[in-house]
């Protein structure tokens, strides 16, 4: 039982370390976090509903998660093959496509929450 708890504490530490490294080194995460902060402020300003908050936070987390995984895939691909390679480029493009899908979902959510409030 002690090993299980110790393992979970270490896992939390590594997760926090990874999140810190993302925010410190990845410009796309920094930009998306800034945009997310603006929509969080907008949520308070417009006093959005509880369900709107759930969808907004889901969209923010989905985009940040997809971008984090994309960054990890790019780092692995660059480590495996640092020079230009068509197959590595294909893999990186597919990973970026996942971010695109998450961003489309986020735009849809933001549109549905704020369109009426901005008119």
PDB file of N, CA and C in Angstrom:
ATOM      1  N   UNK A   1       0.821  -1.190   0.000  1.00  0.00           N
ATOM      2  CA  UNK A   1       0.000   0.000   0.000  1.00  0.00           C
ATOM      3  C   UNK A   1       0.867   1.258   0.000  1.00  0.00           C
ATOM      4  N   UNK A   2       1.966   1.233   0.744  1.00  0.00           N
ATOM      5  CA  UNK A   2       2.880   2.380   0.792  1.00  0.00           C
ATOM      6  C   UNK A   2       3.484   2.634  -0.588  1.00  0.00           C
ATOM      7  N   UNK A   3       3.890   1.549  -1.282  1.00  0.00           N
ATOM      8  CA  UNK A   3       4.470   1.697  -2.620  1.00  0.00           C
ATOM      9  C   UNK A   3       3.458   2.305  -3.593  1.00  0.00           C
ATOM     10  N   UNK A   4       2.193   1.922  -3.457  1.00  0.00           N
ATOM     11  CA  UNK A   4       1.153   2.463  -4.318  1.00  0.00           C
ATOM     12  C   UNK A   4       1.021   3.971  -4.108  1.00  0.00           C
ATOM     13  N   UNK A   5       0.957   4.390  -2.864  1.00  0.00           N
ATOM     14  CA  UNK A   5       0.822   5.818  -2.541  1.00  0.00           C
ATOM     15  C   UNK A   5       2.059   6.582  -2.994  1.00  0.00           C
ATOM     16  N   UNK A   6       3.227   6.042  -2.725  1.00  0.00           N
ATOM     17  CA  UNK A   6       4.472   6.675  -3.163  1.00  0.00           C
ATOM     18  C   UNK A   6       4.503   6.805  -4.685  1.00  0.00           C
ATOM     19  N   UNK A   7       4.071   5.761  -5.375  1.00  0.00           N
ATOM     20  CA  UNK A   7       4.023   5.792  -6.836  1.00  0.00           C
ATOM     21  C   UNK A   7       3.085   6.864  -7.358  1.00  0.00           C
ATOM     22  N   UNK A   8       1.937   7.017  -6.695  1.00  0.00           N
ATOM     23  CA  UNK A   8       0.967   8.043  -7.128  1.00  0.00           C
ATOM     24  C   UNK A   8       1.518   9.457  -6.889  1.00  0.00           C
ATOM     25  N   UNK A   9       2.213   9.642  -5.772  1.00  0.00           N
ATOM     26  CA  UNK A   9       2.814  10.947  -5.477  1.00  0.00           C
ATOM     27  C   UNK A   9       3.881  11.273  -6.521  1.00  0.00           C
ATOM     28  N   UNK A  10       4.696  10.287  -6.892  1.00  0.00           N
ATOM     29  CA  UNK A  10       5.704  10.497  -7.929  1.00  0.00           C
ATOM     30  C   UNK A  10       5.045  10.815  -9.271  1.00  0.00           C
ATOM     31  N   UNK A  11       3.957  10.121  -9.583  1.00  0.00           N
ATOM     32  CA  UNK A  11       3.250  10.358 -10.841  1.00  0.00           C
ATOM     33  C   UNK A  11       2.713  11.783 -10.902  1.00  0.00           C
ATOM     34  N   UNK A  12       2.175  12.268  -9.797  1.00  0.00           N
ATOM     35  CA  UNK A  12       1.679  13.648  -9.740  1.00  0.00           C
ATOM     36  C   UNK A  12       2.834  14.620  -9.940  1.00  0.00           C
ATOM     37  N   UNK A  13       3.961  14.354  -9.299  1.00  0.00           N
ATOM     38  CA  UNK A  13       5.136  15.209  -9.451  1.00  0.00           C
ATOM     39  C   UNK A  13       5.582  15.270 -10.910  1.00  0.00           C
ATOM     40  N   UNK A  14       5.673  14.112 -11.580  1.00  0.00           N
ATOM     41  CA  UNK A  14       6.104  14.085 -12.975  1.00  0.00           C
ATOM     42  C   UNK A  14       5.086  14.785 -13.880  1.00  0.00           C
ATOM     43  N   UNK A  15       3.802  14.647 -13.564  1.00  0.00           N
ATOM     44  CA  UNK A  15       2.765  15.339 -14.339  1.00  0.00           C
ATOM     45  C   UNK A  15       2.905  16.841 -14.212  1.00  0.00           C
ATOM     46  N   UNK A  16       3.110  17.314 -13.002  1.00  0.00           N
ATOM     47  CA  UNK A  16       3.296  18.751 -12.783  1.00  0.00           C
ATOM     48  C   UNK A  16       4.573  19.246 -13.468  1.00  0.00           C
ATOM     49  N   UNK A  17       5.621  18.441 -13.396  1.00  0.00           N
ATOM     50  CA  UNK A  17       6.878  18.796 -14.064  1.00  0.00           C
ATOM     51  C   UNK A  17       6.655  18.915 -15.575  1.00  0.00           C
ATOM     52  N   UNK A  18       5.931  17.967 -16.142  1.00  0.00           N
ATOM     53  CA  UNK A  18       5.638  17.999 -17.575  1.00  0.00           C
ATOM     54  C   UNK A  18       4.807  19.211 -17.962  1.00  0.00           C
ATOM     55  N   UNK A  19       3.802  19.539 -17.157  1.00  0.00           N
ATOM     56  CA  UNK A  19       2.976  20.717 -17.432  1.00  0.00           C
ATOM     57  C   UNK A  19       3.829  21.981 -17.366  1.00  0.00           C
ATOM     58  N   UNK A  20       4.707  22.060 -16.369  1.00  0.00           N
ATOM     59  CA  UNK A  20       5.590  23.221 -16.241  1.00  0.00           C
ATOM     60  C   UNK A  20       6.503  23.334 -17.464  1.00  0.00           C
ATOM     61  N   UNK A  21       7.065  22.207 -17.910  1.00  0.00           N
ATOM     62  CA  UNK A  21       7.942  22.227 -19.088  1.00  0.00           C
ATOM     63  C   UNK A  21       7.181  22.658 -20.338  1.00  0.00           C
ATOM     64  N   UNK A  22       5.947  22.210 -20.459  1.00  0.00           N
ATOM     65  CA  UNK A  22       5.129  22.638 -21.596  1.00  0.00           C
ATOM     66  C   UNK A  22       4.937  24.150 -21.593  1.00  0.00           C
ATOM     67  N   UNK A  23       4.512  24.687 -20.447  1.00  0.00           N
ATOM     68  CA  UNK A  23       4.264  26.129 -20.364  1.00  0.00           C
ATOM     69  C   UNK A  23       5.550  26.930 -20.539  1.00  0.00           C
ATOM     70  N   UNK A  24       6.660  26.366 -20.117  1.00  0.00           N
ATOM     71  CA  UNK A  24       7.938  27.074 -20.183  1.00  0.00           C
ATOM     72  C   UNK A  24       8.525  27.070 -21.597  1.00  0.00           C
ATOM     73  N   UNK A  25       8.338  25.979 -22.341  1.00  0.00           N
ATOM     74  CA  UNK A  25       9.071  25.817 -23.596  1.00  0.00           C
ATOM     75  C   UNK A  25       8.226  25.871 -24.864  1.00  0.00           C
ATOM     76  N   UNK A  26       6.939  25.611 -24.780  1.00  0.00           N
ATOM     77  CA  UNK A  26       6.112  25.500 -25.988  1.00  0.00           C
ATOM     78  C   UNK A  26       5.287  26.768 -26.200  1.00  0.00           C
ATOM     79  N   UNK A  27       5.617  27.493 -27.272  1.00  0.00           N
ATOM     80  CA  UNK A  27       4.931  28.753 -27.559  1.00  0.00           C
ATOM     81  C   UNK A  27       3.449  28.548 -27.877  1.00  0.00           C
ATOM     82  N   UNK A  28       3.115  27.426 -28.512  1.00  0.00           N
ATOM     83  CA  UNK A  28       1.713  27.180 -28.838  1.00  0.00           C
ATOM     84  C   UNK A  28       0.884  26.981 -27.567  1.00  0.00           C
ATOM     85  N   UNK A  29       1.439  26.309 -26.575  1.00  0.00           N
ATOM     86  CA  UNK A  29       0.741  26.134 -25.296  1.00  0.00           C
ATOM     87  C   UNK A  29       0.591  27.482 -24.597  1.00  0.00           C
ATOM     88  N   UNK A  30       1.626  28.303 -24.656  1.00  0.00           N
ATOM     89  CA  UNK A  30       1.554  29.634 -24.049  1.00  0.00           C
ATOM     90  C   UNK A  30       0.457  30.468 -24.711  1.00  0.00           C
ATOM     91  N   UNK A  31       0.408  30.462 -26.037  1.00  0.00           N
ATOM     92  CA  UNK A  31      -0.600  31.240 -26.758  1.00  0.00           C
ATOM     93  C   UNK A  31      -2.001  30.721 -26.466  1.00  0.00           C
ATOM     94  N   UNK A  32      -2.169  29.420 -26.492  1.00  0.00           N
ATOM     95  CA  UNK A  32      -3.487  28.842 -26.244  1.00  0.00           C
ATOM     96  C   UNK A  32      -3.923  29.045 -24.796  1.00  0.00           C
ATOM     97  N   UNK A  33      -2.986  29.043 -23.875  1.00  0.00           N
ATOM     98  CA  UNK A  33      -3.319  29.316 -22.471  1.00  0.00           C
ATOM     99  C   UNK A  33      -3.749  30.766 -22.295  1.00  0.00           C
ATOM    100  N   UNK A  34      -3.102  31.669 -23.011  1.00  0.00           N
ATOM    101  CA  UNK A  34      -3.492  33.079 -22.966  1.00  0.00           C
ATOM    102  C   UNK A  34      -4.912  33.254 -23.504  1.00  0.00           C
ATOM    103  N   UNK A  35      -5.204  32.635 -24.641  1.00  0.00           N
ATOM    104  CA  UNK A  35      -6.556  32.711 -25.214  1.00  0.00           C
ATOM    105  C   UNK A  35      -7.571  32.090 -24.256  1.00  0.00           C
ATOM    106  N   UNK A  36      -7.219  30.958 -23.658  1.00  0.00           N
ATOM    107  CA  UNK A  36      -8.105  30.310 -22.687  1.00  0.00           C
ATOM    108  C   UNK A  36      -8.381  31.241 -21.515  1.00  0.00           C
ATOM    109  N   UNK A  37      -7.360  31.945 -21.055  1.00  0.00           N
ATOM    110  CA  UNK A  37      -7.531  32.897 -19.943  1.00  0.00           C
ATOM    111  C   UNK A  37      -8.510  33.994 -20.317  1.00  0.00           C
ATOM    112  N   UNK A  38      -8.441  34.467 -21.552  1.00  0.00           N
ATOM    113  CA  UNK A  38      -9.379  35.500 -21.999  1.00  0.00           C
ATOM    114  C   UNK A  38     -10.824  34.994 -21.958  1.00  0.00           C
ATOM    115  N   UNK A  39     -11.020  33.742 -22.373  1.00  0.00           N
ATOM    116  CA  UNK A  39     -12.381  33.195 -22.349  1.00  0.00           C
ATOM    117  C   UNK A  39     -12.843  32.872 -20.925  1.00  0.00           C
ATOM    118  N   UNK A  40     -11.932  32.559 -20.052  1.00  0.00           N
ATOM    119  CA  UNK A  40     -12.315  32.385 -18.644  1.00  0.00           C
ATOM    120  C   UNK A  40     -12.760  33.718 -18.061  1.00  0.00           C
ATOM    121  N   UNK A  41     -12.021  34.775 -18.364  1.00  0.00           N
ATOM    122  CA  UNK A  41     -12.420  36.112 -17.922  1.00  0.00           C
ATOM    123  C   UNK A  41     -13.774  36.483 -18.529  1.00  0.00           C
ATOM    124  N   UNK A  42     -13.956  36.192 -19.825  1.00  0.00           N
ATOM    125  CA  UNK A  42     -15.236  36.470 -20.489  1.00  0.00           C
ATOM    126  C   UNK A  42     -16.371  35.696 -19.823  1.00  0.00           C
ATOM    127  N   UNK A  43     -16.093  34.467 -19.414  1.00  0.00           N
ATOM    128  CA  UNK A  43     -17.114  33.669 -18.738  1.00  0.00           C
ATOM    129  C   UNK A  43     -17.591  34.321 -17.458  1.00  0.00           C
ATOM    130  N   UNK A  44     -16.654  34.876 -16.692  1.00  0.00           N
ATOM    131  CA  UNK A  44     -17.041  35.595 -15.472  1.00  0.00           C
ATOM    132  C   UNK A  44     -17.778  36.894 -15.812  1.00  0.00           C
ATOM    133  N   UNK A  45     -17.295  37.597 -16.821  1.00  0.00           N
ATOM    134  CA  UNK A  45     -17.898  38.878 -17.202  1.00  0.00           C
ATOM    135  C   UNK A  45     -19.344  38.690 -17.660  1.00  0.00           C
ATOM    136  N   UNK A  46     -19.573  37.687 -18.508  1.00  0.00           N
ATOM    137  CA  UNK A  46     -20.912  37.450 -19.048  1.00  0.00           C
ATOM    138  C   UNK A  46     -21.757  36.548 -18.157  1.00  0.00           C
ATOM    139  N   UNK A  47     -21.180  36.088 -17.052  1.00  0.00           N
ATOM    140  CA  UNK A  47     -21.890  35.221 -16.100  1.00  0.00           C
ATOM    141  C   UNK A  47     -22.553  34.044 -16.817  1.00  0.00           C
ATOM    142  N   UNK A  48     -21.734  33.273 -17.503  1.00  0.00           N
ATOM    143  CA  UNK A  48     -22.262  32.145 -18.261  1.00  0.00           C
ATOM    144  C   UNK A  48     -22.788  31.072 -17.305  1.00  0.00           C
ATOM    145  N   UNK A  49     -23.648  30.231 -17.828  1.00  0.00           N
ATOM    146  CA  UNK A  49     -24.291  29.203 -17.013  1.00  0.00           C
ATOM    147  C   UNK A  49     -23.300  28.109 -16.628  1.00  0.00           C
ATOM    148  N   UNK A  50     -23.734  27.283 -15.682  1.00  0.00           N
ATOM    149  CA  UNK A  50     -22.894  26.173 -15.225  1.00  0.00           C
ATOM    150  C   UNK A  50     -22.593  25.208 -16.372  1.00  0.00           C
ATOM    151  N   UNK A  51     -23.582  24.908 -17.207  1.00  0.00           N
ATOM    152  CA  UNK A  51     -23.335  23.997 -18.334  1.00  0.00           C
ATOM    153  C   UNK A  51     -22.412  24.642 -19.366  1.00  0.00           C
ATOM    154  N   UNK A  52     -22.541  25.954 -19.573  1.00  0.00           N
ATOM    155  CA  UNK A  52     -21.608  26.646 -20.472  1.00  0.00           C
ATOM    156  C   UNK A  52     -20.185  26.572 -19.928  1.00  0.00           C
ATOM    157  N   UNK A  53     -20.028  26.708 -18.620  1.00  0.00           N
ATOM    158  CA  UNK A  53     -18.692  26.575 -18.002  1.00  0.00           C
ATOM    159  C   UNK A  53     -18.126  25.189 -18.270  1.00  0.00           C
ATOM    160  N   UNK A  54     -18.973  24.169 -18.125  1.00  0.00           N
ATOM    161  CA  UNK A  54     -18.495  22.798 -18.346  1.00  0.00           C
ATOM    162  C   UNK A  54     -17.993  22.618 -19.775  1.00  0.00           C
ATOM    163  N   UNK A  55     -18.777  23.112 -20.744  1.00  0.00           N
ATOM    164  CA  UNK A  55     -18.356  22.978 -22.138  1.00  0.00           C
ATOM    165  C   UNK A  55     -17.120  23.820 -22.431  1.00  0.00           C
ATOM    166  N   UNK A  56     -17.054  25.010 -21.865  1.00  0.00           N
ATOM    167  CA  UNK A  56     -15.893  25.864 -22.106  1.00  0.00           C
ATOM    168  C   UNK A  56     -14.621  25.243 -21.533  1.00  0.00           C
ATOM    169  N   UNK A  57     -14.692  24.748 -20.309  1.00  0.00           N
ATOM    170  CA  UNK A  57     -13.519  24.108 -19.691  1.00  0.00           C
ATOM    171  C   UNK A  57     -13.152  22.831 -20.447  1.00  0.00           C
ATOM    172  N   UNK A  58     -14.153  22.078 -20.888  1.00  0.00           N
ATOM    173  CA  UNK A  58     -13.882  20.883 -21.694  1.00  0.00           C
ATOM    174  C   UNK A  58     -13.142  21.262 -22.970  1.00  0.00           C
ATOM    175  N   UNK A  59     -13.598  22.311 -23.654  1.00  0.00           N
ATOM    176  CA  UNK A  59     -12.953  22.742 -24.896  1.00  0.00           C
ATOM    177  C   UNK A  59     -11.522  23.189 -24.634  1.00  0.00           C
ATOM    178  N   UNK A  60     -11.315  23.970 -23.581  1.00  0.00           N
ATOM    179  CA  UNK A  60      -9.968  24.433 -23.246  1.00  0.00           C
ATOM    180  C   UNK A  60      -9.051  23.245 -22.958  1.00  0.00           C
ATOM    181  N   UNK A  61      -9.520  22.327 -22.131  1.00  0.00           N
ATOM    182  CA  UNK A  61      -8.694  21.160 -21.781  1.00  0.00           C
ATOM    183  C   UNK A  61      -8.430  20.279 -22.992  1.00  0.00           C
ATOM    184  N   UNK A  62      -9.414  20.139 -23.865  1.00  0.00           N
ATOM    185  CA  UNK A  62      -9.232  19.322 -25.059  1.00  0.00           C
ATOM    186  C   UNK A  62      -8.155  19.917 -25.961  1.00  0.00           C
ATOM    187  N   UNK A  63      -8.201  21.225 -26.178  1.00  0.00           N
ATOM    188  CA  UNK A  63      -7.192  21.871 -27.024  1.00  0.00           C
ATOM    189  C   UNK A  63      -5.807  21.759 -26.397  1.00  0.00           C
ATOM    190  N   UNK A  64      -5.706  22.037 -25.096  1.00  0.00           N
ATOM    191  CA  UNK A  64      -4.399  21.954 -24.428  1.00  0.00           C
ATOM    192  C   UNK A  64      -3.860  20.523 -24.417  1.00  0.00           C
ATOM    193  N   UNK A  65      -4.740  19.557 -24.243  1.00  0.00           N
ATOM    194  CA  UNK A  65      -4.317  18.155 -24.263  1.00  0.00           C
ATOM    195  C   UNK A  65      -3.840  17.755 -25.651  1.00  0.00           C
ATOM    196  N   UNK A  66      -4.621  18.112 -26.678  1.00  0.00           N
ATOM    197  CA  UNK A  66      -4.227  17.772 -28.042  1.00  0.00           C
ATOM    198  C   UNK A  66      -2.900  18.437 -28.402  1.00  0.00           C
ATOM    199  N   UNK A  67      -2.730  19.694 -28.023  1.00  0.00           N
ATOM    200  CA  UNK A  67      -1.481  20.401 -28.313  1.00  0.00           C
ATOM    201  C   UNK A  67      -0.312  19.784 -27.546  1.00  0.00           C
ATOM    202  N   UNK A  68      -0.547  19.355 -26.324  1.00  0.00           N
ATOM    203  CA  UNK A  68       0.502  18.704 -25.541  1.00  0.00           C
ATOM    204  C   UNK A  68       0.941  17.397 -26.190  1.00  0.00           C
ATOM    205  N   UNK A  69      -0.013  16.595 -26.613  1.00  0.00           N
ATOM    206  CA  UNK A  69       0.323  15.334 -27.282  1.00  0.00           C
ATOM    207  C   UNK A  69       1.008  15.595 -28.619  1.00  0.00           C
ATOM    208  N   UNK A  70       0.543  16.610 -29.342  1.00  0.00           N
ATOM    209  CA  UNK A  70       1.191  16.988 -30.597  1.00  0.00           C
ATOM    210  C   UNK A  70       2.641  17.375 -30.351  1.00  0.00           C
ATOM    211  N   UNK A  71       2.883  18.159 -29.319  1.00  0.00           N
ATOM    212  CA  UNK A  71       4.259  18.568 -28.996  1.00  0.00           C
ATOM    213  C   UNK A  71       5.117  17.359 -28.660  1.00  0.00           C
ATOM    214  N   UNK A  72       4.563  16.428 -27.895  1.00  0.00           N
ATOM    215  CA  UNK A  72       5.318  15.223 -27.538  1.00  0.00           C
ATOM    216  C   UNK A  72       5.643  14.393 -28.775  1.00  0.00           C
ATOM    217  N   UNK A  73       4.676  14.240 -29.671  1.00  0.00           N
ATOM    218  CA  UNK A  73       4.907  13.479 -30.906  1.00  0.00           C
ATOM    219  C   UNK A  73       5.982  14.154 -31.752  1.00  0.00           C
ATOM    220  N   UNK A  74       5.918  15.481 -31.845  1.00  0.00           N
ATOM    221  CA  UNK A  74       6.935  16.206 -32.614  1.00  0.00           C
ATOM    222  C   UNK A  74       8.328  16.033 -32.009  1.00  0.00           C
ATOM    223  N   UNK A  75       8.420  16.091 -30.681  1.00  0.00           N
ATOM    224  CA  UNK A  75       9.718  15.925 -30.022  1.00  0.00           C
ATOM    225  C   UNK A  75      10.276  14.524 -30.265  1.00  0.00           C
ATOM    226  N   UNK A  76       9.423  13.519 -30.162  1.00  0.00           N
ATOM    227  CA  UNK A  76       9.858  12.139 -30.411  1.00  0.00           C
ATOM    228  C   UNK A  76      10.298  11.974 -31.863  1.00  0.00           C
ATOM    229  N   UNK A  77       9.504  12.510 -32.783  1.00  0.00           N
ATOM    230  CA  UNK A  77       9.827  12.395 -34.205  1.00  0.00           C
ATOM    231  C   UNK A  77      11.156  13.085 -34.518  1.00  0.00           C
ATOM    232  N   UNK A  78      11.355  14.268 -33.953  1.00  0.00           N
ATOM    233  CA  UNK A  78      12.615  14.989 -34.180  1.00  0.00           C
ATOM    234  C   UNK A  78      13.798  14.248 -33.564  1.00  0.00           C
ATOM    235  N   UNK A  79      13.575  13.584 -32.446  1.00  0.00           N
ATOM    236  CA  UNK A  79      14.641  12.813 -31.803  1.00  0.00           C
ATOM    237  C   UNK A  79      15.011  11.592 -32.656  1.00  0.00           C
ATOM    238  N   UNK A  80      13.998  10.923 -33.170  1.00  0.00           N
ATOM    239  CA  UNK A  80      14.231   9.715 -33.968  1.00  0.00           C
ATOM    240  C   UNK A  80      14.885  10.057 -35.300  1.00  0.00           C
ATOM    241  N   UNK A  81      14.413  11.137 -35.930  1.00  0.00           N
ATOM    242  CA  UNK A  81      14.926  11.492 -37.250  1.00  0.00           C
ATOM    243  C   UNK A  81      15.035  13.009 -37.333  1.00  0.00           C
ATOM    244  N   UNK A  82      16.169  13.586 -36.908  1.00  0.00           N
ATOM    245  CA  UNK A  82      16.316  15.048 -36.846  1.00  0.00           C
ATOM    246  C   UNK A  82      16.297  15.740 -38.211  1.00  0.00           C
ATOM    247  N   UNK A  83      16.673  15.046 -39.260  1.00  0.00           N
ATOM    248  CA  UNK A  83      16.662  15.640 -40.597  1.00  0.00           C
ATOM    249  C   UNK A  83      15.275  15.523 -41.213  1.00  0.00           C
ATOM    250  N   UNK A  84      15.041  16.306 -42.252  1.00  0.00           N
ATOM    251  CA  UNK A  84      13.743  16.239 -42.932  1.00  0.00           C
ATOM    252  C   UNK A  84      13.513  14.838 -43.475  1.00  0.00           C
ATOM    253  N   UNK A  85      12.291  14.346 -43.259  1.00  0.00           N
ATOM    254  CA  UNK A  85      11.909  13.034 -43.736  1.00  0.00           C
ATOM    255  C   UNK A  85      10.417  13.079 -44.036  1.00  0.00           C
ATOM    256  N   UNK A  86      10.023  12.601 -45.213  1.00  0.00           N
ATOM    257  CA  UNK A  86       8.605  12.653 -45.612  1.00  0.00           C
ATOM    258  C   UNK A  86       7.708  11.893 -44.637  1.00  0.00           C
ATOM    259  N   UNK A  87       8.139  10.730 -44.198  1.00  0.00           N
ATOM    260  CA  UNK A  87       7.310   9.924 -43.299  1.00  0.00           C
ATOM    261  C   UNK A  87       7.166  10.598 -41.934  1.00  0.00           C
ATOM    262  N   UNK A  88       8.248  11.188 -41.433  1.00  0.00           N
ATOM    263  CA  UNK A  88       8.174  11.916 -40.161  1.00  0.00           C
ATOM    264  C   UNK A  88       7.272  13.138 -40.335  1.00  0.00           C
ATOM    265  N   UNK A  89       7.404  13.828 -41.460  1.00  0.00           N
ATOM    266  CA  UNK A  89       6.538  14.972 -41.741  1.00  0.00           C
ATOM    267  C   UNK A  89       5.070  14.570 -41.771  1.00  0.00           C
ATOM    268  N   UNK A  90       4.785  13.416 -42.358  1.00  0.00           N
ATOM    269  CA  UNK A  90       3.421  12.895 -42.408  1.00  0.00           C
ATOM    270  C   UNK A  90       2.883  12.654 -41.000  1.00  0.00           C
ATOM    271  N   UNK A  91       3.691  12.036 -40.160  1.00  0.00           N
ATOM    272  CA  UNK A  91       3.298  11.769 -38.768  1.00  0.00           C
ATOM    273  C   UNK A  91       3.025  13.077 -38.026  1.00  0.00           C
ATOM    274  N   UNK A  92       3.903  14.054 -38.201  1.00  0.00           N
ATOM    275  CA  UNK A  92       3.732  15.339 -37.531  1.00  0.00           C
ATOM    276  C   UNK A  92       2.480  16.062 -38.025  1.00  0.00           C
ATOM    277  N   UNK A  93       2.198  15.952 -39.319  1.00  0.00           N
ATOM    278  CA  UNK A  93       0.990  16.581 -39.863  1.00  0.00           C
ATOM    279  C   UNK A  93      -0.281  15.946 -39.291  1.00  0.00           C
ATOM    280  N   UNK A  94      -0.260  14.636 -39.138  1.00  0.00           N
ATOM    281  CA  UNK A  94      -1.420  13.953 -38.550  1.00  0.00           C
ATOM    282  C   UNK A  94      -1.621  14.403 -37.104  1.00  0.00           C
ATOM    283  N   UNK A  95      -0.540  14.517 -36.350  1.00  0.00           N
ATOM    284  CA  UNK A  95      -0.643  14.980 -34.965  1.00  0.00           C
ATOM    285  C   UNK A  95      -1.192  16.405 -34.921  1.00  0.00           C
ATOM    286  N   UNK A  96      -0.741  17.246 -35.848  1.00  0.00           N
ATOM    287  CA  UNK A  96      -1.262  18.613 -35.908  1.00  0.00           C
ATOM    288  C   UNK A  96      -2.740  18.612 -36.285  1.00  0.00           C
ATOM    289  N   UNK A  97      -3.155  17.649 -37.082  1.00  0.00           N
ATOM    290  CA  UNK A  97      -4.564  17.524 -37.442  1.00  0.00           C
ATOM    291  C   UNK A  97      -5.444  17.279 -36.227  1.00  0.00           C
ATOM    292  N   UNK A  98      -4.940  16.562 -35.253  1.00  0.00           N
ATOM    293  CA  UNK A  98      -5.691  16.332 -34.017  1.00  0.00           C
ATOM    294  C   UNK A  98      -5.937  17.651 -33.293  1.00  0.00           C
ATOM    295  N   UNK A  99      -4.933  18.514 -33.301  1.00  0.00           N
ATOM    296  CA  UNK A  99      -5.098  19.845 -32.687  1.00  0.00           C
ATOM    297  C   UNK A  99      -6.152  20.622 -33.452  1.00  0.00           C
ATOM    298  N   UNK A 100      -6.154  20.501 -34.769  1.00  0.00           N
ATOM    299  CA  UNK A 100      -7.153  21.183 -35.598  1.00  0.00           C
ATOM    300  C   UNK A 100      -8.564  20.758 -35.198  1.00  0.00           C
ATOM    301  N   UNK A 101      -8.795  19.459 -35.032  1.00  0.00           N
ATOM    302  CA  UNK A 101     -10.120  18.984 -34.638  1.00  0.00           C
ATOM    303  C   UNK A 101     -10.532  19.530 -33.269  1.00  0.00           C
ATOM    304  N   UNK A 102      -9.593  19.542 -32.338  1.00  0.00           N
ATOM    305  CA  UNK A 102      -9.882  20.088 -31.005  1.00  0.00           C
ATOM    306  C   UNK A 102     -10.204  21.573 -31.102  1.00  0.00           C
ATOM    307  N   UNK A 103      -9.465  22.299 -31.931  1.00  0.00           N
ATOM    308  CA  UNK A 103      -9.703  23.737 -32.093  1.00  0.00           C
ATOM    309  C   UNK A 103     -11.063  24.002 -32.725  1.00  0.00           C
ATOM    310  N   UNK A 104     -11.466  23.188 -33.695  1.00  0.00           N
ATOM    311  CA  UNK A 104     -12.794  23.340 -34.317  1.00  0.00           C
ATOM    312  C   UNK A 104     -13.881  23.141 -33.266  1.00  0.00           C
ATOM    313  N   UNK A 105     -13.721  22.124 -32.421  1.00  0.00           N
ATOM    314  CA  UNK A 105     -14.681  21.910 -31.337  1.00  0.00           C
ATOM    315  C   UNK A 105     -14.730  23.120 -30.418  1.00  0.00           C
ATOM    316  N   UNK A 106     -13.556  23.659 -30.068  1.00  0.00           N
ATOM    317  CA  UNK A 106     -13.493  24.819 -29.172  1.00  0.00           C
ATOM    318  C   UNK A 106     -14.169  26.035 -29.809  1.00  0.00           C
ATOM    319  N   UNK A 107     -13.945  26.250 -31.092  1.00  0.00           N
ATOM    320  CA  UNK A 107     -14.595  27.375 -31.779  1.00  0.00           C
ATOM    321  C   UNK A 107     -16.105  27.195 -31.769  1.00  0.00           C
ATOM    322  N   UNK A 108     -16.563  25.998 -32.014  1.00  0.00           N
ATOM    323  CA  UNK A 108     -18.001  25.702 -31.978  1.00  0.00           C
ATOM    324  C   UNK A 108     -18.587  25.997 -30.596  1.00  0.00           C
ATOM    325  N   UNK A 109     -17.892  25.572 -29.555  1.00  0.00           N
ATOM    326  CA  UNK A 109     -18.354  25.810 -28.182  1.00  0.00           C
ATOM    327  C   UNK A 109     -18.388  27.303 -27.882  1.00  0.00           C
ATOM    328  N   UNK A 110     -17.310  28.006 -28.200  1.00  0.00           N
ATOM    329  CA  UNK A 110     -17.235  29.440 -27.918  1.00  0.00           C
ATOM    330  C   UNK A 110     -18.309  30.195 -28.694  1.00  0.00           C
ATOM    331  N   UNK A 111     -18.513  29.824 -29.941  1.00  0.00           N
ATOM    332  CA  UNK A 111     -19.568  30.448 -30.745  1.00  0.00           C
ATOM    333  C   UNK A 111     -20.929  30.278 -30.076  1.00  0.00           C
ATOM    334  N   UNK A 112     -21.224  29.059 -29.640  1.00  0.00           N
ATOM    335  CA  UNK A 112     -22.526  28.788 -29.026  1.00  0.00           C
ATOM    336  C   UNK A 112     -22.703  29.488 -27.682  1.00  0.00           C
ATOM    337  N   UNK A 113     -21.633  29.706 -26.968  1.00  0.00           N
ATOM    338  CA  UNK A 113     -21.738  30.373 -25.673  1.00  0.00           C
ATOM    339  C   UNK A 113     -21.841  31.884 -25.842  1.00  0.00           C
ATOM    340  N   UNK A 114     -21.032  32.475 -26.699  1.00  0.00           N
ATOM    341  CA  UNK A 114     -20.875  33.935 -26.698  1.00  0.00           C
ATOM    342  C   UNK A 114     -21.559  34.672 -27.846  1.00  0.00           C
ATOM    343  N   UNK A 115     -22.010  33.983 -28.878  1.00  0.00           N
ATOM    344  CA  UNK A 115     -22.580  34.691 -30.031  1.00  0.00           C
ATOM    345  C   UNK A 115     -23.732  35.611 -29.626  1.00  0.00           C
ATOM    346  N   UNK A 116     -24.697  35.077 -28.882  1.00  0.00           N
ATOM    347  CA  UNK A 116     -25.852  35.890 -28.454  1.00  0.00           C
ATOM    348  C   UNK A 116     -25.429  37.004 -27.497  1.00  0.00           C
ATOM    349  N   UNK A 117     -24.452  36.758 -26.697  1.00  0.00           N
ATOM    350  CA  UNK A 117     -24.018  37.759 -25.723  1.00  0.00           C
ATOM    351  C   UNK A 117     -23.294  38.925 -26.388  1.00  0.00           C
ATOM    352  N   UNK A 118     -22.676  38.678 -27.529  1.00  0.00           N
ATOM    353  CA  UNK A 118     -21.932  39.725 -28.219  1.00  0.00           C
ATOM    354  C   UNK A 118     -22.788  40.533 -29.190  1.00  0.00           C
ATOM    355  N   UNK A 119     -23.978  40.049 -29.516  1.00  0.00           N
ATOM    356  CA  UNK A 119     -24.846  40.775 -30.442  1.00  0.00           C
ATOM    357  C   UNK A 119     -25.598  41.904 -29.757  1.00  0.00           C
TER     358      UNK A 119
END
